[in-house]
Amino acid sequence: MKVSESQISDRVAQLYNTYPFPPEPLLDQPPPGYNWRWNWLAAHAFCTGRKPLQENIRILDVGCGTGVGTEYLVHLNPQAEVIGVDLSAAAIDIARERCRRSGADRVEFHHLSLYDIKQIPGQFDLVNCVGVLHHLPDPIRGLQAIAPKLAPSGLMHIFVYAALGRWEISLMQQAIALLQGDRLGDYQDGVSVGRQTFAALPEQNRLVQRERQRWSLENQRDECFADMYVHPQEVDYTIDSLFHLIDASGLDFVGFSNPQYWQLKRLLAKAPELMERAKKLGDRQRYRLIELLDPDISHYEFFLSRPPLSMTSWQDDTELLQAVPERHPCMEGWPSQSVFNYDYQITKLSQSEFEFLQACDQNQAQATVEQLVQKLATPLETVRRLQSQQLIMLK
């Protein structure tokens, strides 16, 4: 019997009312660390090459759940207005309490279906849509509902599941559903059946091995186990179906927010002839080749934009010299010559790089790159290297 969209939405809401997600603890202080994708300055610099002109922006967190991402969006963007929307009333209640306790007071929440997002007035400069579209009965219609809320030159960050890296998850989902029989939709029973199944399977079973290698630590919590294995609605993508979704949105694809994975050189560097052949491929063909050769990817994360979104490469020396540099806002371990960069990768700074970053920190007078490199005798290539590593922002 065919299930209607409203029935699917009701089942999804029931899951998250039973197991509010994510199940992160509530804190009486701002959350630790950062996710640069939730920092407007960092995200804009990543996508366009330069720091944005405005910081007093509007942010929409679609499918905010228990407010883990929403809380970061408020604290990482101190001048922004933030709105969170979710289908689960239980999750929204936790999100409100989470943000109240941590002092994230520039946020309002709405218990609302994504399909009804038009009820929220106005447009937004940054839209966060993480872990949502793949749980909709019609993801294309869902993304088309969100797209009009993105302001011109705005950015939307999306996270959806990838089929190749979730193959074992899909098999276990189907197995649990079969074992549940007429109790399908009883999510607590589903978690119990799933845990019993994993415990009964042989040690060398492929599903058991994959669970232990990738997911078991987070899946100790029933909320995570339920979200992964007993979800009533899931769409897993490949590159081809992903770009079908993107093309239907009417928005522009800016790029993946984990670009290191999408470098073919990391896979075929030892075969220069194949690398040469790959140059004939279009971007989407190359992305497809990468996921076929390295099918461990479990999700896609990427930015879309609404035109016009102008890019700055800073390849012209004159343009670069006239820019004003700032140290990147997402960096830990500073001041030190060994820091965690925007993506939590350890980065070793040369003495020249360290001194230039120090000067950026102390640049109250808004000195240009030209003025700083002359003062410090810094090679211009050092500045380019810092900018390419997202260690400085230019405006």
Protein backbone atom coordinates (compact mmCIF):
# COMPACT_ATOMS: atom_id res chain seq x y z
CA MET A 1 0.00 0.00 0.00
CA LYS A 2 1.36 3.38 -1.02
CA VAL A 3 2.21 5.70 1.85
CA SER A 4 1.36 9.39 1.45
CA GLU A 5 3.83 12.21 2.00
CA SER A 6 1.95 13.37 5.08
CA GLN A 7 2.10 9.86 6.56
CA ILE A 8 5.85 9.72 5.97
CA SER A 9 6.29 13.13 7.60
CA ASP A 10 4.23 11.98 10.58
CA ARG A 11 6.42 8.88 10.96
CA VAL A 12 9.60 10.96 10.79
CA ALA A 13 8.21 13.32 13.45
CA GLN A 14 7.28 10.32 15.61
CA LEU A 15 10.82 8.95 15.38
CA TYR A 16 12.36 12.22 16.53
CA ASN A 17 9.74 12.71 19.23
CA THR A 18 10.72 9.25 20.53
CA TYR A 19 14.46 9.78 20.02
CA PRO A 20 15.23 13.53 19.79
CA PHE A 21 18.34 14.03 17.69
CA PRO A 22 21.20 14.88 18.00
CA PRO A 23 21.45 13.70 21.64
CA GLU A 24 24.32 16.02 22.61
CA PRO A 25 24.37 17.18 26.26
CA LEU A 26 23.07 20.62 27.22
CA LEU A 27 25.72 23.02 28.53
CA ASP A 28 25.58 26.09 30.72
CA GLN A 29 28.18 27.79 28.51
CA PRO A 30 28.88 28.24 24.80
CA PRO A 31 29.67 24.96 22.99
CA PRO A 32 33.35 24.10 22.55
CA GLY A 33 35.30 24.51 19.32
CA TYR A 34 33.79 25.45 16.00
CA ASN A 35 32.49 24.16 12.70
CA TRP A 36 33.70 26.66 10.13
CA ARG A 37 30.72 25.90 7.88
CA TRP A 38 28.53 27.52 10.55
CA ASN A 39 30.70 30.66 10.73
CA TRP A 40 29.45 33.19 8.19
CA LEU A 41 32.86 34.86 7.79
CA ALA A 42 34.66 31.57 7.26
CA ALA A 43 32.01 30.10 4.95
CA HIS A 44 31.87 33.24 2.82
CA ALA A 45 35.66 33.43 2.58
CA PHE A 46 35.80 29.75 1.59
CA CYS A 47 33.19 30.18 -1.14
CA THR A 48 34.20 33.56 -2.57
CA GLY A 49 37.84 34.09 -1.56
CA ARG A 50 37.11 37.17 0.52
CA LYS A 51 35.58 38.34 3.78
CA PRO A 52 31.91 39.44 3.48
CA LEU A 53 31.00 43.10 3.78
CA GLN A 54 28.27 42.52 6.37
CA GLU A 55 28.07 40.51 9.57
CA ASN A 56 24.58 41.55 10.72
CA ILE A 57 22.94 38.84 8.63
CA ARG A 58 19.95 36.46 8.87
CA ILE A 59 20.56 32.72 9.26
CA LEU A 60 18.00 29.93 8.81
CA ASP A 61 18.67 26.49 10.32
CA VAL A 62 16.34 24.09 8.51
CA GLY A 63 15.71 20.82 10.34
CA CYS A 64 17.47 22.12 13.42
CA GLY A 65 16.60 19.10 15.59
CA THR A 66 17.70 19.56 19.19
CA GLY A 67 19.56 22.75 18.28
CA VAL A 68 23.16 21.53 18.32
CA GLY A 69 23.99 23.32 15.06
CA THR A 70 21.69 26.24 15.87
CA GLU A 71 23.55 26.92 19.09
CA TYR A 72 26.84 27.12 17.21
CA LEU A 73 25.29 29.37 14.55
CA VAL A 74 24.30 31.85 17.26
CA HIS A 75 27.61 31.83 19.13
CA LEU A 76 29.81 31.84 16.01
CA ASN A 77 27.91 34.74 14.42
CA PRO A 78 27.47 37.34 17.19
CA GLN A 79 25.72 39.90 14.95
CA ALA A 80 23.31 37.51 13.25
CA GLU A 81 19.61 36.86 13.66
CA VAL A 82 19.04 33.08 13.73
CA ILE A 83 15.85 31.09 13.13
CA GLY A 84 15.53 27.33 13.63
CA VAL A 85 12.80 25.14 12.12
CA ASP A 86 12.00 21.48 12.78
CA LEU A 87 9.22 18.94 12.36
CA SER A 88 9.66 17.42 15.85
CA ALA A 89 8.04 19.21 18.79
CA ALA A 90 10.18 17.26 21.27
CA ALA A 91 13.38 18.24 19.47
CA ILE A 92 12.32 21.90 19.33
CA ASP A 93 11.70 21.91 23.10
CA ILE A 94 15.23 20.64 23.70
CA ALA A 95 16.65 23.17 21.22
CA ARG A 96 15.00 26.04 23.08
CA GLU A 97 16.37 24.82 26.40
CA ARG A 98 19.83 24.21 24.94
CA CYS A 99 20.10 27.73 23.60
CA ARG A 100 18.63 29.27 26.75
CA ARG A 101 21.20 27.54 28.94
CA SER A 102 24.20 28.47 26.81
CA GLY A 103 23.15 32.09 26.34
CA ALA A 104 22.31 31.78 22.65
CA ASP A 105 19.60 34.40 22.96
CA ARG A 106 19.41 35.70 19.36
CA VAL A 107 17.34 32.79 18.09
CA GLU A 108 13.72 31.87 17.60
CA PHE A 109 12.34 28.42 16.87
CA HIS A 110 9.37 27.29 14.81
CA HIS A 111 7.67 23.87 14.93
CA LEU A 112 7.15 23.63 11.21
CA SER A 113 7.46 21.28 8.24
CA LEU A 114 10.18 22.17 5.77
CA TYR A 115 7.52 22.15 3.05
CA ASP A 116 5.83 25.06 4.86
CA ILE A 117 9.00 27.14 5.18
CA LYS A 118 7.36 29.95 3.19
CA GLN A 119 5.52 30.85 6.40
CA ILE A 120 8.81 32.27 7.73
CA PRO A 121 9.01 35.88 6.50
CA GLY A 122 11.91 37.29 4.50
CA GLN A 123 15.08 35.83 3.02
CA PHE A 124 18.32 34.66 4.61
CA ASP A 125 22.01 35.21 3.88
CA LEU A 126 23.02 31.78 5.20
CA VAL A 127 20.83 28.68 5.18
CA ASN A 128 21.98 25.58 7.04
CA CYS A 129 20.34 22.35 5.86
CA VAL A 130 22.22 19.44 7.42
CA GLY A 131 20.87 15.90 7.52
CA VAL A 132 17.38 16.91 6.39
CA LEU A 133 16.68 16.52 2.67
CA HIS A 134 17.45 12.79 2.59
CA HIS A 135 14.67 12.20 5.15
CA LEU A 136 11.97 13.92 3.09
CA PRO A 137 9.42 11.98 1.04
CA ASP A 138 10.22 14.38 -1.85
CA PRO A 139 13.69 15.93 -1.44
CA ILE A 140 13.47 17.87 -4.71
CA ARG A 141 10.24 19.57 -3.61
CA GLY A 142 11.83 20.17 -0.24
CA LEU A 143 14.89 21.90 -1.68
CA GLN A 144 12.66 23.88 -4.03
CA ALA A 145 10.70 25.05 -0.98
CA ILE A 146 13.87 26.25 0.74
CA ALA A 147 15.52 27.87 -2.29
CA PRO A 148 13.32 31.02 -2.39
CA LYS A 149 14.33 31.79 1.20
CA LEU A 150 17.97 32.25 0.13
CA ALA A 151 18.80 35.91 -0.50
CA PRO A 152 20.75 37.07 -3.57
CA SER A 153 24.47 36.35 -3.00
CA GLY A 154 23.44 34.10 -0.10
CA LEU A 155 24.93 30.70 0.73
CA MET A 156 23.24 27.42 1.56
CA HIS A 157 25.17 24.57 3.17
CA ILE A 158 23.72 21.10 2.61
CA PHE A 159 24.58 17.66 3.97
CA VAL A 160 22.96 14.54 2.48
CA TYR A 161 23.74 10.82 2.59
CA ALA A 162 25.86 9.02 -0.01
CA ALA A 163 24.78 5.55 -1.12
CA LEU A 164 28.16 3.90 -1.62
CA GLY A 165 29.49 4.43 1.90
CA ARG A 166 26.15 3.53 3.51
CA TRP A 167 25.58 0.26 1.71
CA GLU A 168 25.89 -1.86 4.87
CA ILE A 169 23.61 0.53 6.74
CA SER A 170 20.96 0.11 4.06
CA LEU A 171 21.17 -3.67 4.31
CA MET A 172 20.75 -3.60 8.08
CA GLN A 173 17.82 -1.16 7.80
CA GLN A 174 16.02 -3.60 5.52
CA ALA A 175 16.86 -6.57 7.75
CA ILE A 176 15.50 -4.85 10.87
CA ALA A 177 12.30 -3.91 9.02
CA LEU A 178 11.75 -7.53 7.99
CA LEU A 179 12.34 -8.79 11.53
CA GLN A 180 9.98 -6.20 13.00
CA GLY A 181 7.13 -7.32 10.79
CA ASP A 182 3.85 -5.84 11.98
CA ARG A 183 5.73 -3.86 14.67
CA LEU A 184 7.40 -1.73 12.02
CA GLY A 185 7.06 1.88 13.16
CA ASP A 186 7.64 0.98 16.81
CA TYR A 187 11.03 2.64 17.02
CA GLN A 188 11.96 1.34 20.45
CA ASP A 189 11.28 -2.19 19.22
CA GLY A 190 13.38 -1.41 16.13
CA VAL A 191 16.35 -0.40 18.25
CA SER A 192 15.98 -3.57 20.34
CA VAL A 193 15.76 -5.79 17.24
CA GLY A 194 18.76 -4.06 15.67
CA ARG A 195 20.95 -4.44 18.74
CA GLN A 196 19.98 -8.11 19.12
CA THR A 197 20.79 -8.71 15.45
CA PHE A 198 24.25 -7.20 15.69
CA ALA A 199 24.95 -9.19 18.85
CA ALA A 200 23.89 -12.47 17.18
CA LEU A 201 25.77 -12.11 13.91
CA PRO A 202 29.21 -13.79 13.50
CA GLU A 203 32.29 -11.70 14.36
CA GLN A 204 33.49 -11.65 10.75
CA ASN A 205 30.13 -10.62 9.33
CA ARG A 206 30.51 -7.67 6.98
CA LEU A 207 27.73 -5.65 8.62
CA VAL A 208 29.24 -6.19 12.08
CA GLN A 209 32.71 -5.21 10.90
CA ARG A 210 31.48 -2.04 9.23
CA GLU A 211 29.49 -1.03 12.31
CA ARG A 212 32.53 -1.51 14.54
CA GLN A 213 34.90 0.30 12.18
CA ARG A 214 32.78 3.36 11.52
CA TRP A 215 29.71 3.80 13.68
CA SER A 216 29.74 1.85 16.94
CA LEU A 217 31.11 4.63 19.16
CA GLU A 218 28.31 7.09 18.38
CA ASN A 219 25.72 4.31 18.14
CA GLN A 220 26.12 3.45 21.81
CA ARG A 221 23.39 6.06 22.22
CA ASP A 222 19.94 4.80 21.23
CA GLU A 223 19.13 8.12 19.55
CA CYS A 224 22.02 7.67 17.11
CA PHE A 225 21.28 3.98 16.55
CA ALA A 226 17.63 4.78 15.80
CA ASP A 227 18.52 7.62 13.44
CA MET A 228 20.84 5.32 11.50
CA TYR A 229 19.06 1.98 11.43
CA VAL A 230 15.31 2.39 12.03
CA HIS A 231 14.56 5.66 10.23
CA PRO A 232 11.26 5.44 8.32
CA GLN A 233 12.49 7.54 5.36
CA GLU A 234 15.91 7.77 3.76
CA VAL A 235 17.24 8.65 0.31
CA ASP A 236 20.91 7.90 -0.40
CA TYR A 237 22.59 9.68 -3.28
CA THR A 238 25.28 9.13 -5.89
CA ILE A 239 26.95 11.98 -7.76
CA ASP A 240 24.50 11.61 -10.62
CA SER A 241 21.37 11.75 -8.45
CA LEU A 242 22.92 14.45 -6.25
CA PHE A 243 23.37 16.85 -9.15
CA HIS A 244 19.87 16.02 -10.37
CA LEU A 245 18.70 17.32 -6.98
CA ILE A 246 20.94 20.39 -7.20
CA ASP A 247 19.91 21.26 -10.77
CA ALA A 248 16.24 21.12 -9.76
CA SER A 249 16.82 23.75 -7.05
CA GLY A 250 17.57 26.59 -9.45
CA LEU A 251 20.61 27.50 -7.34
CA ASP A 252 24.29 27.42 -8.30
CA PHE A 253 26.68 24.75 -7.09
CA VAL A 254 29.62 26.51 -5.41
CA GLY A 255 31.64 23.48 -4.34
CA PHE A 256 32.07 20.70 -1.83
CA SER A 257 32.98 21.83 1.67
CA ASN A 258 35.38 18.90 2.04
CA PRO A 259 37.40 19.60 -1.12
CA GLN A 260 40.33 17.36 -0.16
CA TYR A 261 38.23 14.25 -0.81
CA TRP A 262 37.43 15.43 -4.33
CA GLN A 263 41.05 15.65 -5.50
CA LEU A 264 41.69 12.84 -8.00
CA LYS A 265 45.43 13.20 -7.47
CA ARG A 266 45.17 11.56 -4.05
CA LEU A 267 44.00 8.37 -5.78
CA LEU A 268 45.81 8.30 -9.14
CA ALA A 269 48.98 10.31 -8.56
CA LYS A 270 51.04 7.21 -9.32
CA ALA A 271 49.48 6.93 -12.78
CA PRO A 272 50.24 10.16 -14.69
CA GLU A 273 48.78 8.72 -17.89
CA LEU A 274 45.43 8.19 -16.17
CA MET A 275 45.61 11.66 -14.65
CA GLU A 276 46.12 13.02 -18.16
CA ARG A 277 43.12 11.08 -19.44
CA ALA A 278 41.01 12.39 -16.57
CA LYS A 279 41.63 15.96 -17.74
CA LYS A 280 39.14 15.27 -20.53
CA LEU A 281 36.39 14.64 -17.99
CA GLY A 282 33.93 17.27 -16.86
CA ASP A 283 33.71 18.16 -13.19
CA ARG A 284 30.75 15.86 -12.53
CA GLN A 285 32.36 12.96 -14.36
CA ARG A 286 35.50 13.46 -12.30
CA TYR A 287 33.50 13.52 -9.07
CA ARG A 288 31.78 10.30 -10.12
CA LEU A 289 35.14 8.69 -10.89
CA ILE A 290 36.44 9.64 -7.45
CA GLU A 291 33.51 8.14 -5.57
CA LEU A 292 33.73 4.97 -7.67
CA LEU A 293 37.42 4.57 -6.90
CA ASP A 294 37.00 5.45 -3.21
CA PRO A 295 33.46 4.34 -2.28
CA ASP A 296 33.91 4.92 1.44
CA ILE A 297 32.14 8.30 1.34
CA SER A 298 29.02 8.27 3.52
CA HIS A 299 27.76 11.78 2.82
CA TYR A 300 28.08 14.83 0.59
CA GLU A 301 28.51 18.30 2.05
CA PHE A 302 28.47 21.30 -0.24
CA PHE A 303 27.50 24.93 -0.76
CA LEU A 304 24.88 26.33 -3.11
CA SER A 305 24.38 30.02 -3.85
CA ARG A 306 21.85 32.38 -5.33
CA PRO A 307 23.39 34.68 -7.96
CA PRO A 308 25.05 37.04 -8.07
CA LEU A 309 27.95 35.61 -6.06
CA SER A 310 31.21 37.18 -7.17
CA MET A 311 34.50 35.36 -6.64
CA THR A 312 37.93 36.84 -5.93
CA SER A 313 41.02 34.76 -6.71
CA TRP A 314 43.63 37.35 -5.65
CA GLN A 315 45.87 36.17 -8.48
CA ASP A 316 46.58 39.75 -9.51
CA ASP A 317 49.45 41.10 -7.39
CA THR A 318 48.11 44.65 -7.39
CA GLU A 319 44.72 43.53 -6.12
CA LEU A 320 46.29 41.34 -3.45
CA LEU A 321 48.59 44.10 -2.22
CA GLN A 322 45.64 46.45 -1.70
CA ALA A 323 43.66 43.91 0.35
CA VAL A 324 43.35 44.13 4.14
CA PRO A 325 44.23 40.79 5.82
CA GLU A 326 42.68 39.30 8.97
CA ARG A 327 43.50 36.09 10.80
CA HIS A 328 40.92 33.39 10.09
CA PRO A 329 38.30 33.16 12.88
CA CYS A 330 38.39 29.34 13.05
CA MET A 331 41.79 28.41 14.40
CA GLU A 332 42.87 26.72 17.63
CA GLY A 333 46.24 26.71 19.36
CA TRP A 334 47.03 30.31 18.43
CA PRO A 335 49.43 31.97 19.10
CA SER A 336 51.78 29.14 18.18
CA GLN A 337 53.61 27.92 15.12
CA SER A 338 51.62 24.68 15.34
CA VAL A 339 47.86 25.29 15.13
CA PHE A 340 44.65 23.50 14.23
CA ASN A 341 43.34 25.12 11.07
CA TYR A 342 39.73 25.74 10.03
CA ASP A 343 39.26 22.02 9.34
CA TYR A 344 40.95 20.84 12.56
CA GLN A 345 44.09 19.75 10.70
CA ILE A 346 47.45 20.40 12.36
CA THR A 347 49.30 23.11 10.45
CA LYS A 348 52.96 24.00 10.98
CA LEU A 349 53.68 27.68 10.42
CA SER A 350 56.99 28.99 9.16
CA GLN A 351 58.52 31.90 11.04
CA SER A 352 57.48 34.22 8.23
CA GLU A 353 53.89 32.95 8.32
CA PHE A 354 53.74 33.21 12.11
CA GLU A 355 54.98 36.80 12.09
CA PHE A 356 52.51 37.81 9.40
CA LEU A 357 49.61 36.28 11.34
CA GLN A 358 50.74 38.14 14.44
CA ALA A 359 50.70 41.37 12.45
CA CYS A 360 47.17 40.59 11.24
CA ASP A 361 46.07 40.14 14.85
CA GLN A 362 47.50 43.53 15.76
CA ASN A 363 46.26 45.31 12.62
CA GLN A 364 44.00 47.85 14.30
CA ALA A 365 44.86 50.45 11.66
CA GLN A 366 43.62 48.20 8.84
CA ALA A 367 46.98 48.18 7.10
CA THR A 368 47.03 46.59 3.65
CA VAL A 369 48.98 43.54 2.59
CA GLU A 370 51.43 45.86 0.84
CA GLN A 371 52.08 47.83 4.01
CA LEU A 372 52.54 44.69 6.13
CA VAL A 373 54.84 42.85 3.73
CA GLN A 374 57.02 45.96 3.44
CA LYS A 375 57.16 46.36 7.21
CA LEU A 376 57.95 42.68 7.87
CA ALA A 377 59.91 41.94 4.67
CA THR A 378 57.44 39.11 4.06
CA PRO A 379 57.48 37.43 0.63
CA LEU A 380 54.16 37.88 -1.16
CA GLU A 381 54.09 34.13 -1.71
CA THR A 382 53.77 33.70 2.06
CA VAL A 383 50.55 35.72 2.00
CA ARG A 384 49.20 33.64 -0.88
CA ARG A 385 50.04 30.45 1.00
CA LEU A 386 48.24 31.66 4.14
CA GLN A 387 45.19 32.64 2.12
CA SER A 388 45.07 29.33 0.21
CA GLN A 389 45.20 27.45 3.53
CA GLN A 390 42.31 29.53 4.92
CA LEU A 391 44.57 30.90 7.64
CA ILE A 392 43.82 34.50 6.70
CA MET A 393 40.83 36.27 5.19
CA LEU A 394 41.19 39.17 2.78
CA LYS A 395 38.86 42.09 2.27
